Amino acid sequence: ADAESAASWYRDVFGDYYIELQRHPIADLERA
């Protein structure tokens, strides 16, 4: 819920806002 709130804030502030996805062999990124 906090992540959604933060994403909404950035979207509302910048308008041009994108959620970044990265595919590295990093377990945290694969989970996120």
Full PDB file with SEQRES, HELIX, SHEET, SSBOND, CRYST1, ORIGX, SCALE, CONECT and MASTER records, all heavy atoms in Angstrom:
SEQRES   1 A   32  ALA ASP ALA GLU SER ALA ALA SER TRP TYR ARG ASP VAL          
SEQRES   2 A   32  PHE GLY ASP TYR TYR ILE GLU LEU GLN ARG HIS PRO ILE          
SEQRES   3 A   32  ALA ASP LEU GLU ARG ALA                                      
HELIX    1 AA1 ASP A    2  PHE A   14  1                                  13    
HELIX    2 AA2 ALA A   27  ARG A   31  1                                   5    
CRYST1    1.000    1.000    1.000  90.00  90.00  90.00 P 1           1          
ORIGX1      1.000000  0.000000  0.000000        0.00000                         
ORIGX2      0.000000  1.000000  0.000000        0.00000                         
ORIGX3      0.000000  0.000000  1.000000        0.00000                         
SCALE1      1.000000  0.000000  0.000000        0.00000                         
SCALE2      0.000000  1.000000  0.000000        0.00000                         
SCALE3      0.000000  0.000000  1.000000        0.00000                         
ATOM      1  N   ALA A   1       0.842  -1.205   0.000  1.00  0.00           N  
ATOM      2  CA  ALA A   1       0.000   0.000   0.000  1.00  0.00           C  
ATOM      3  C   ALA A   1       0.879   1.259   0.000  1.00  0.00           C  
ATOM      4  O   ALA A   1       0.561   2.238  -0.690  1.00  0.00           O  
ATOM      5  CB  ALA A   1      -0.941   0.002   1.205  1.00  0.00           C  
ATOM      6  N   ASP A   2       1.979   1.235   0.748  1.00  0.00           N  
ATOM      7  CA  ASP A   2       2.897   2.377   0.759  1.00  0.00           C  
ATOM      8  C   ASP A   2       3.587   2.533  -0.599  1.00  0.00           C  
ATOM      9  O   ASP A   2       3.805   3.652  -1.070  1.00  0.00           O  
ATOM     10  CB  ASP A   2       3.944   2.222   1.861  1.00  0.00           C  
ATOM     11  CG  ASP A   2       3.354   2.366   3.256  1.00  0.00           C  
ATOM     12  OD1 ASP A   2       2.292   3.005   3.399  1.00  0.00           O  
ATOM     13  OD2 ASP A   2       3.968   1.834   4.209  1.00  0.00           O  
ATOM     14  N   ALA A   3       3.915   1.413  -1.232  1.00  0.00           N  
ATOM     15  CA  ALA A   3       4.521   1.464  -2.562  1.00  0.00           C  
ATOM     16  C   ALA A   3       3.545   2.071  -3.563  1.00  0.00           C  
ATOM     17  O   ALA A   3       3.927   2.901  -4.399  1.00  0.00           O  
ATOM     18  CB  ALA A   3       4.954   0.062  -3.007  1.00  0.00           C  
ATOM     19  N   GLU A   4       2.282   1.680  -3.481  1.00  0.00           N  
ATOM     20  CA  GLU A   4       1.267   2.250  -4.373  1.00  0.00           C  
ATOM     21  C   GLU A   4       1.091   3.743  -4.114  1.00  0.00           C  
ATOM     22  O   GLU A   4       0.939   4.525  -5.053  1.00  0.00           O  
ATOM     23  CB  GLU A   4      -0.058   1.530  -4.205  1.00  0.00           C  
ATOM     24  CG  GLU A   4      -0.065   0.148  -4.804  1.00  0.00           C  
ATOM     25  CD  GLU A   4      -1.419  -0.549  -4.684  1.00  0.00           C  
ATOM     26  OE1 GLU A   4      -2.335   0.000  -4.028  1.00  0.00           O  
ATOM     27  OE2 GLU A   4      -1.543  -1.639  -5.254  1.00  0.00           O  
ATOM     28  N   SER A   5       1.113   4.123  -2.860  1.00  0.00           N  
ATOM     29  CA  SER A   5       0.989   5.539  -2.513  1.00  0.00           C  
ATOM     30  C   SER A   5       2.166   6.341  -3.071  1.00  0.00           C  
ATOM     31  O   SER A   5       1.982   7.425  -3.638  1.00  0.00           O  
ATOM     32  CB  SER A   5       0.908   5.691  -0.993  1.00  0.00           C  
ATOM     33  OG  SER A   5       0.856   7.039  -0.638  1.00  0.00           O  
ATOM     34  N   ALA A   6       3.368   5.812  -2.922  1.00  0.00           N  
ATOM     35  CA  ALA A   6       4.556   6.497  -3.450  1.00  0.00           C  
ATOM     36  C   ALA A   6       4.481   6.590  -4.971  1.00  0.00           C  
ATOM     37  O   ALA A   6       4.737   7.656  -5.546  1.00  0.00           O  
ATOM     38  CB  ALA A   6       5.823   5.760  -3.016  1.00  0.00           C  
ATOM     39  N   ALA A   7       4.113   5.499  -5.633  1.00  0.00           N  
ATOM     40  CA  ALA A   7       4.011   5.512  -7.099  1.00  0.00           C  
ATOM     41  C   ALA A   7       2.970   6.532  -7.561  1.00  0.00           C  
ATOM     42  O   ALA A   7       3.198   7.269  -8.523  1.00  0.00           O  
ATOM     43  CB  ALA A   7       3.667   4.112  -7.610  1.00  0.00           C  
ATOM     44  N   SER A   8       1.855   6.601  -6.861  1.00  0.00           N  
ATOM     45  CA  SER A   8       0.816   7.581  -7.204  1.00  0.00           C  
ATOM     46  C   SER A   8       1.332   9.003  -7.039  1.00  0.00           C  
ATOM     47  O   SER A   8       1.037   9.877  -7.866  1.00  0.00           O  
ATOM     48  CB  SER A   8      -0.418   7.374  -6.334  1.00  0.00           C  
ATOM     49  OG  SER A   8      -1.025   6.148  -6.619  1.00  0.00           O  
ATOM     50  N   TRP A   9       2.090   9.238  -5.971  1.00  0.00           N  
ATOM     51  CA  TRP A   9       2.627  10.583  -5.737  1.00  0.00           C  
ATOM     52  C   TRP A   9       3.558  10.991  -6.878  1.00  0.00           C  
ATOM     53  O   TRP A   9       3.424  12.077  -7.437  1.00  0.00           O  
ATOM     54  CB  TRP A   9       3.381  10.634  -4.401  1.00  0.00           C  
ATOM     55  CG  TRP A   9       3.838  12.018  -4.062  1.00  0.00           C  
ATOM     56  CD1 TRP A   9       3.117  12.982  -3.416  1.00  0.00           C  
ATOM     57  CD2 TRP A   9       5.102  12.614  -4.386  1.00  0.00           C  
ATOM     58  NE1 TRP A   9       3.869  14.143  -3.321  1.00  0.00           N  
ATOM     59  CE2 TRP A   9       5.084  13.936  -3.905  1.00  0.00           C  
ATOM     60  CE3 TRP A   9       6.242  12.152  -5.029  1.00  0.00           C  
ATOM     61  CZ2 TRP A   9       6.162  14.798  -4.041  1.00  0.00           C  
ATOM     62  CZ3 TRP A   9       7.326  13.018  -5.177  1.00  0.00           C  
ATOM     63  CH2 TRP A   9       7.276  14.320  -4.688  1.00  0.00           C  
ATOM     64  N   TYR A  10       4.489  10.112  -7.241  1.00  0.00           N  
ATOM     65  CA  TYR A  10       5.420  10.439  -8.327  1.00  0.00           C  
ATOM     66  C   TYR A  10       4.678  10.629  -9.649  1.00  0.00           C  
ATOM     67  O   TYR A  10       5.003  11.541 -10.415  1.00  0.00           O  
ATOM     68  CB  TYR A  10       6.487   9.347  -8.474  1.00  0.00           C  
ATOM     69  CG  TYR A  10       7.518   9.385  -7.377  1.00  0.00           C  
ATOM     70  CD1 TYR A  10       7.541   8.410  -6.378  1.00  0.00           C  
ATOM     71  CD2 TYR A  10       8.486  10.386  -7.320  1.00  0.00           C  
ATOM     72  CE1 TYR A  10       8.495   8.439  -5.372  1.00  0.00           C  
ATOM     73  CE2 TYR A  10       9.430  10.424  -6.312  1.00  0.00           C  
ATOM     74  CZ  TYR A  10       9.438   9.448  -5.344  1.00  0.00           C  
ATOM     75  OH  TYR A  10      10.368   9.484  -4.348  1.00  0.00           O  
ATOM     76  N   ARG A  11       3.696   9.787  -9.939  1.00  0.00           N  
ATOM     77  CA  ARG A  11       2.906   9.927 -11.168  1.00  0.00           C  
ATOM     78  C   ARG A  11       2.203  11.279 -11.198  1.00  0.00           C  
ATOM     79  O   ARG A  11       2.211  11.979 -12.213  1.00  0.00           O  
ATOM     80  CB  ARG A  11       1.883   8.798 -11.268  1.00  0.00           C  
ATOM     81  CG  ARG A  11       0.987   8.895 -12.507  1.00  0.00           C  
ATOM     82  CD  ARG A  11      -0.274   8.088 -12.377  1.00  0.00           C  
ATOM     83  NE  ARG A  11      -1.015   8.529 -11.207  1.00  0.00           N  
ATOM     84  CZ  ARG A  11      -1.805   7.736 -10.483  1.00  0.00           C  
ATOM     85  NH1 ARG A  11      -1.970   6.471 -10.784  1.00  0.00           N  
ATOM     86  NH2 ARG A  11      -2.447   8.211  -9.444  1.00  0.00           N  
ATOM     87  N   ASP A  12       1.613  11.653 -10.062  1.00  0.00           N  
ATOM     88  CA  ASP A  12       0.878  12.918  -9.998  1.00  0.00           C  
ATOM     89  C   ASP A  12       1.807  14.119 -10.109  1.00  0.00           C  
ATOM     90  O   ASP A  12       1.448  15.137 -10.698  1.00  0.00           O  
ATOM     91  CB  ASP A  12       0.049  12.992  -8.715  1.00  0.00           C  
ATOM     92  CG  ASP A  12      -1.070  11.956  -8.684  1.00  0.00           C  
ATOM     93  OD1 ASP A  12      -1.393  11.364  -9.737  1.00  0.00           O  
ATOM     94  OD2 ASP A  12      -1.601  11.721  -7.576  1.00  0.00           O  
ATOM     95  N   VAL A  13       2.991  14.019  -9.548  1.00  0.00           N  
ATOM     96  CA  VAL A  13       3.944  15.139  -9.585  1.00  0.00           C  
ATOM     97  C   VAL A  13       4.550  15.288 -10.983  1.00  0.00           C  
ATOM     98  O   VAL A  13       4.605  16.388 -11.528  1.00  0.00           O  
ATOM     99  CB  VAL A  13       5.054  14.962  -8.519  1.00  0.00           C  
ATOM    100  CG1 VAL A  13       6.213  15.932  -8.759  1.00  0.00           C  
ATOM    101  CG2 VAL A  13       4.477  15.169  -7.132  1.00  0.00           C  
ATOM    102  N   PHE A  14       5.022  14.197 -11.564  1.00  0.00           N  
ATOM    103  CA  PHE A  14       5.763  14.287 -12.816  1.00  0.00           C  
ATOM    104  C   PHE A  14       4.900  14.113 -14.058  1.00  0.00           C  
ATOM    105  O   PHE A  14       5.283  14.583 -15.130  1.00  0.00           O  
ATOM    106  CB  PHE A  14       6.902  13.262 -12.831  1.00  0.00           C  
ATOM    107  CG  PHE A  14       8.026  13.631 -11.908  1.00  0.00           C  
ATOM    108  CD1 PHE A  14       8.124  13.062 -10.659  1.00  0.00           C  
ATOM    109  CD2 PHE A  14       8.975  14.576 -12.285  1.00  0.00           C  
ATOM    110  CE1 PHE A  14       9.150  13.406  -9.794  1.00  0.00           C  
ATOM    111  CE2 PHE A  14      10.005  14.928 -11.435  1.00  0.00           C  
ATOM    112  CZ  PHE A  14      10.088  14.341 -10.185  1.00  0.00           C  
ATOM    113  N   GLY A  15       3.783  13.439 -13.960  1.00  0.00           N  
ATOM    114  CA  GLY A  15       3.008  13.154 -15.169  1.00  0.00           C  
ATOM    115  C   GLY A  15       3.693  12.075 -15.987  1.00  0.00           C  
ATOM    116  O   GLY A  15       3.140  11.006 -16.187  1.00  0.00           O  
ATOM    117  N   ASP A  16       4.899  12.345 -16.464  1.00  0.00           N  
ATOM    118  CA  ASP A  16       5.705  11.350 -17.176  1.00  0.00           C  
ATOM    119  C   ASP A  16       6.479  10.542 -16.140  1.00  0.00           C  
ATOM    120  O   ASP A  16       7.614  10.884 -15.775  1.00  0.00           O  
ATOM    121  CB  ASP A  16       6.686  12.018 -18.141  1.00  0.00           C  
ATOM    122  CG  ASP A  16       6.010  12.552 -19.380  1.00  0.00           C  
ATOM    123  OD1 ASP A  16       5.041  11.926 -19.844  1.00  0.00           O  
ATOM    124  OD2 ASP A  16       6.454  13.591 -19.889  1.00  0.00           O  
ATOM    125  N   TYR A  17       5.853   9.492 -15.657  1.00  0.00           N  
ATOM    126  CA  TYR A  17       6.454   8.644 -14.622  1.00  0.00           C  
ATOM    127  C   TYR A  17       6.307   7.194 -15.046  1.00  0.00           C  
ATOM    128  O   TYR A  17       5.238   6.779 -15.512  1.00  0.00           O  
ATOM    129  CB  TYR A  17       5.754   8.860 -13.268  1.00  0.00           C  
ATOM    130  CG  TYR A  17       6.230   7.935 -12.173  1.00  0.00           C  
ATOM    131  CD1 TYR A  17       7.507   8.059 -11.655  1.00  0.00           C  
ATOM    132  CD2 TYR A  17       5.403   6.942 -11.676  1.00  0.00           C  
ATOM    133  CE1 TYR A  17       7.955   7.210 -10.648  1.00  0.00           C  
ATOM    134  CE2 TYR A  17       5.835   6.087 -10.678  1.00  0.00           C  
ATOM    135  CZ  TYR A  17       7.115   6.226 -10.164  1.00  0.00           C  
ATOM    136  OH  TYR A  17       7.548   5.375  -9.178  1.00  0.00           O  
ATOM    137  N   TYR A  18       7.381   6.439 -14.907  1.00  0.00           N  
ATOM    138  CA  TYR A  18       7.413   5.042 -15.321  1.00  0.00           C  
ATOM    139  C   TYR A  18       7.964   4.185 -14.190  1.00  0.00           C  
ATOM    140  O   TYR A  18       8.881   4.599 -13.481  1.00  0.00           O  
ATOM    141  CB  TYR A  18       8.320   4.863 -16.541  1.00  0.00           C  
ATOM    142  CG  TYR A  18       7.843   5.628 -17.745  1.00  0.00           C  
ATOM    143  CD1 TYR A  18       8.130   6.987 -17.884  1.00  0.00           C  
ATOM    144  CD2 TYR A  18       7.100   5.006 -18.735  1.00  0.00           C  
ATOM    145  CE1 TYR A  18       7.682   7.708 -18.983  1.00  0.00           C  
ATOM    146  CE2 TYR A  18       6.645   5.711 -19.840  1.00  0.00           C  
ATOM    147  CZ  TYR A  18       6.945   7.060 -19.954  1.00  0.00           C  
ATOM    148  OH  TYR A  18       6.494   7.756 -21.039  1.00  0.00           O  
ATOM    149  N   ILE A  19       7.429   2.993 -14.057  1.00  0.00           N  
ATOM    150  CA  ILE A  19       7.966   2.039 -13.097  1.00  0.00           C  
ATOM    151  C   ILE A  19       9.066   1.256 -13.806  1.00  0.00           C  
ATOM    152  O   ILE A  19       8.847   0.669 -14.858  1.00  0.00           O  
ATOM    153  CB  ILE A  19       6.874   1.103 -12.552  1.00  0.00           C  
ATOM    154  CG1 ILE A  19       5.890   1.926 -11.698  1.00  0.00           C  
ATOM    155  CG2 ILE A  19       7.498  -0.035 -11.737  1.00  0.00           C  
ATOM    156  CD1 ILE A  19       4.737   1.127 -11.129  1.00  0.00           C  
ATOM    157  N   GLU A  20      10.241   1.293 -13.208  1.00  0.00           N  
ATOM    158  CA  GLU A  20      11.421   0.642 -13.774  1.00  0.00           C  
ATOM    159  C   GLU A  20      11.462  -0.834 -13.424  1.00  0.00           C  
ATOM    160  O   GLU A  20      11.282  -1.200 -12.267  1.00  0.00           O  
ATOM    161  CB  GLU A  20      12.685   1.290 -13.181  1.00  0.00           C  
ATOM    162  CG  GLU A  20      13.486   2.082 -14.147  1.00  0.00           C  
ATOM    163  CD  GLU A  20      14.744   2.676 -13.535  1.00  0.00           C  
ATOM    164  OE1 GLU A  20      14.642   3.677 -12.814  1.00  0.00           O  
ATOM    165  OE2 GLU A  20      15.837   2.135 -13.805  1.00  0.00           O  
ATOM    166  N   LEU A  21      11.742  -1.633 -14.432  1.00  0.00           N  
ATOM    167  CA  LEU A  21      11.980  -3.060 -14.228  1.00  0.00           C  
ATOM    168  C   LEU A  21      13.388  -3.372 -14.692  1.00  0.00           C  
ATOM    169  O   LEU A  21      13.797  -2.934 -15.763  1.00  0.00           O  
ATOM    170  CB  LEU A  21      10.989  -3.907 -15.031  1.00  0.00           C  
ATOM    171  CG  LEU A  21       9.512  -3.735 -14.710  1.00  0.00           C  
ATOM    172  CD1 LEU A  21       8.679  -4.564 -15.672  1.00  0.00           C  
ATOM    173  CD2 LEU A  21       9.228  -4.139 -13.271  1.00  0.00           C  
ATOM    174  N   GLN A  22      14.122  -4.112 -13.884  1.00  0.00           N  
ATOM    175  CA  GLN A  22      15.465  -4.532 -14.248  1.00  0.00           C  
ATOM    176  C   GLN A  22      15.582  -6.039 -14.062  1.00  0.00           C  
ATOM    177  O   GLN A  22      15.084  -6.573 -13.081  1.00  0.00           O  
ATOM    178  CB  GLN A  22      16.512  -3.817 -13.380  1.00  0.00           C  
ATOM    179  CG  GLN A  22      16.530  -2.325 -13.585  1.00  0.00           C  
ATOM    180  CD  GLN A  22      17.593  -1.632 -12.754  1.00  0.00           C  
ATOM    181  OE1 GLN A  22      18.131  -2.182 -11.803  1.00  0.00           O  
ATOM    182  NE2 GLN A  22      17.887  -0.392 -13.123  1.00  0.00           N  
ATOM    183  N   ARG A  23      16.223  -6.709 -15.013  1.00  0.00           N  
ATOM    184  CA  ARG A  23      16.419  -8.155 -14.939  1.00  0.00           C  
ATOM    185  C   ARG A  23      17.905  -8.424 -14.746  1.00  0.00           C  
ATOM    186  O   ARG A  23      18.633  -8.629 -15.696  1.00  0.00           O  
ATOM    187  CB  ARG A  23      15.936  -8.835 -16.212  1.00  0.00           C  
ATOM    188  CG  ARG A  23      14.476  -8.689 -16.509  1.00  0.00           C  
ATOM    189  CD  ARG A  23      13.531  -9.717 -15.932  1.00  0.00           C  
ATOM    190  NE  ARG A  23      13.978 -11.044 -15.739  1.00  0.00           N  
ATOM    191  CZ  ARG A  23      13.670 -12.078 -16.515  1.00  0.00           C  
ATOM    192  NH1 ARG A  23      12.947 -11.918 -17.593  1.00  0.00           N  
ATOM    193  NH2 ARG A  23      14.072 -13.283 -16.207  1.00  0.00           N  
ATOM    194  N   HIS A  24      18.346  -8.348 -13.531  1.00  0.00           N  
ATOM    195  CA  HIS A  24      19.715  -8.703 -13.159  1.00  0.00           C  
ATOM    196  C   HIS A  24      19.629  -9.996 -12.360  1.00  0.00           C  
ATOM    197  O   HIS A  24      18.590 -10.304 -11.785  1.00  0.00           O  
ATOM    198  CB  HIS A  24      20.336  -7.616 -12.263  1.00  0.00           C  
ATOM    199  CG  HIS A  24      20.480  -6.296 -12.930  1.00  0.00           C  
ATOM    200  ND1 HIS A  24      21.445  -6.026 -13.864  1.00  0.00           N  
ATOM    201  CD2 HIS A  24      19.772  -5.147 -12.802  1.00  0.00           C  
ATOM    202  CE1 HIS A  24      21.336  -4.786 -14.282  1.00  0.00           C  
ATOM    203  NE2 HIS A  24      20.325  -4.220 -13.655  1.00  0.00           N  
ATOM    204  N   PRO A  25      20.710 -10.713 -12.253  1.00  0.00           N  
ATOM    205  CA  PRO A  25      20.677 -11.896 -11.376  1.00  0.00           C  
ATOM    206  C   PRO A  25      20.767 -11.483  -9.903  1.00  0.00           C  
ATOM    207  O   PRO A  25      21.702 -11.826  -9.195  1.00  0.00           O  
ATOM    208  CB  PRO A  25      21.891 -12.704 -11.840  1.00  0.00           C  
ATOM    209  CG  PRO A  25      22.815 -11.696 -12.425  1.00  0.00           C  
ATOM    210  CD  PRO A  25      21.962 -10.610 -12.998  1.00  0.00           C  
ATOM    211  N   ILE A  26      19.792 -10.699  -9.484  1.00  0.00           N  
ATOM    212  CA  ILE A  26      19.720 -10.215  -8.098  1.00  0.00           C  
ATOM    213  C   ILE A  26      18.391 -10.694  -7.533  1.00  0.00           C  
ATOM    214  O   ILE A  26      17.327 -10.359  -8.059  1.00  0.00           O  
ATOM    215  CB  ILE A  26      19.820  -8.673  -8.039  1.00  0.00           C  
ATOM    216  CG1 ILE A  26      21.161  -8.208  -8.613  1.00  0.00           C  
ATOM    217  CG2 ILE A  26      19.632  -8.175  -6.611  1.00  0.00           C  
ATOM    218  CD1 ILE A  26      21.274  -6.708  -8.772  1.00  0.00           C  
ATOM    219  N   ALA A  27      18.461 -11.479  -6.471  1.00  0.00           N  
ATOM    220  CA  ALA A  27      17.257 -12.101  -5.907  1.00  0.00           C  
ATOM    221  C   ALA A  27      16.192 -11.075  -5.536  1.00  0.00           C  
ATOM    222  O   ALA A  27      15.003 -11.301  -5.779  1.00  0.00           O  
ATOM    223  CB  ALA A  27      17.630 -12.955  -4.695  1.00  0.00           C  
ATOM    224  N   ASP A  28      16.601  -9.941  -4.953  1.00  0.00           N  
ATOM    225  CA  ASP A  28      15.624  -8.923  -4.554  1.00  0.00           C  
ATOM    226  C   ASP A  28      14.826  -8.400  -5.747  1.00  0.00           C  
ATOM    227  O   ASP A  28      13.614  -8.197  -5.655  1.00  0.00           O  
ATOM    228  CB  ASP A  28      16.307  -7.761  -3.833  1.00  0.00           C  
ATOM    229  CG  ASP A  28      16.688  -8.096  -2.407  1.00  0.00           C  
ATOM    230  OD1 ASP A  28      16.222  -9.129  -1.879  1.00  0.00           O  
ATOM    231  OD2 ASP A  28      17.449  -7.310  -1.813  1.00  0.00           O  
ATOM    232  N   LEU A  29      15.493  -8.178  -6.865  1.00  0.00           N  
ATOM    233  CA  LEU A  29      14.780  -7.691  -8.051  1.00  0.00           C  
ATOM    234  C   LEU A  29      13.839  -8.748  -8.604  1.00  0.00           C  
ATOM    235  O   LEU A  29      12.721  -8.434  -9.022  1.00  0.00           O  
ATOM    236  CB  LEU A  29      15.771  -7.259  -9.138  1.00  0.00           C  
ATOM    237  CG  LEU A  29      16.467  -5.929  -8.910  1.00  0.00           C  
ATOM    238  CD1 LEU A  29      17.521  -5.692  -9.986  1.00  0.00           C  
ATOM    239  CD2 LEU A  29      15.476  -4.785  -8.879  1.00  0.00           C  
ATOM    240  N   GLU A  30      14.267  -9.988  -8.602  1.00  0.00           N  
ATOM    241  CA  GLU A  30      13.404 -11.064  -9.090  1.00  0.00           C  
ATOM    242  C   GLU A  30      12.146 -11.191  -8.233  1.00  0.00           C  
ATOM    243  O   GLU A  30      11.073 -11.498  -8.743  1.00  0.00           O  
ATOM    244  CB  GLU A  30      14.171 -12.393  -9.149  1.00  0.00           C  
ATOM    245  CG  GLU A  30      15.293 -12.399 -10.174  1.00  0.00           C  
ATOM    246  CD  GLU A  30      14.831 -12.070 -11.591  1.00  0.00           C  
ATOM    247  OE1 GLU A  30      13.777 -12.575 -12.018  1.00  0.00           O  
ATOM    248  OE2 GLU A  30      15.524 -11.283 -12.262  1.00  0.00           O  
ATOM    249  N   ARG A  31      12.284 -10.930  -6.934  1.00  0.00           N  
ATOM    250  CA  ARG A  31      11.116 -10.964  -6.049  1.00  0.00           C  
ATOM    251  C   ARG A  31      10.240  -9.737  -6.243  1.00  0.00           C  
ATOM    252  O   ARG A  31       9.017  -9.815  -6.172  1.00  0.00           O  
ATOM    253  CB  ARG A  31      11.564 -11.030  -4.583  1.00  0.00           C  
ATOM    254  CG  ARG A  31      12.034 -12.389  -4.161  1.00  0.00           C  
ATOM    255  CD  ARG A  31      12.173 -12.524  -2.656  1.00  0.00           C  
ATOM    256  NE  ARG A  31      12.100 -11.277  -1.925  1.00  0.00           N  
ATOM    257  CZ  ARG A  31      13.016 -10.854  -1.056  1.00  0.00           C  
ATOM    258  NH1 ARG A  31      14.057 -11.584  -0.793  1.00  0.00           N  
ATOM    259  NH2 ARG A  31      12.863  -9.709  -0.437  1.00  0.00           N  
ATOM    260  N   ALA A  32      10.845  -8.589  -6.476  1.00  0.00           N  
ATOM    261  CA  ALA A  32      10.092  -7.331  -6.562  1.00  0.00           C  
ATOM    262  C   ALA A  32       9.405  -7.130  -7.909  1.00  0.00           C  
ATOM    263  O   ALA A  32       8.304  -6.560  -7.969  1.00  0.00           O  
ATOM    264  CB  ALA A  32      11.013  -6.145  -6.278  1.00  0.00           C  
TER     265      ALA A  32                                                      
MASTER        0    0    0    2    0    0    0    6  264    1    0    3          
END                                                                             
